[in-house]
Amino acid sequence: MDMTTKERIKLLRGIDDTGADDQIDQVIGGVSARFEAILGRHALDTSYEETYELHRAAKVLWLRAYPISAISAVTYSSVPNDTSATALIADDEYYLDAEAGIVRLRLSTTPYDPGYIAVEYDGGMGTTTAAFITNYPEIAAACDQQVVYELNRRNTPGGQLSTRDGRTEFSKSEVNLLRGVREVLVTYSRTVL
């Protein structure tokens, strides 16, 4: 899911024509995907099914789309993709921290290990880009800044021009996250202590 809109970027860049729309859309998509990877979570609020291998004494499952709006099933099986999996009981065998996207297994009443826990749930940061911007304005603003920076870098790519053996070569430097952007993403990324 895109974390900002073309209209926001065009407003920041002072563009009112449609000539660069495809380029802007491409950069927004790339930056948004990169942000999701850095955040370690899904942005789109939709249905997900995740399966975790349960190791001895495992107590915590970190779901990738949070906050969680609903859990439809938490099941245990000794093999992956088992259609006869055992349903776990909420507040008896597991506890959900919906805001953090964490399922805590109550191992004293859950004799299930090793094996697999499957979780079917709805969660994420927004159902649409507009909802995402409303829910996470700091991330959206960081996305705006990074997209504008990368669009500007396309026009002036930066790098090293060198001449060797009578040939001129240009090596483009890597496009890094802006420092302020990185700080915002660190604030919203999952930190495991």
Foldseek 3Di string as FASTA:
>chain_A
DFQEDPVLLCVVVVHDDCPCVVVLVVLSVVLRVVLLVLQQAAAAFFKDKDKDFAAPPDFKDAHRFALFPWWDFKFWDAEPPDPPTHTDDEPQQWDAPNHRRMITGPCVRPVDPGTMIMTITTGHQYNDSVSNCVRQVLLSVQSSVLSNVVVVCVVVVDFDWDADPNDIDTDGDDRDRDPSNVVSSVVNHDDDD
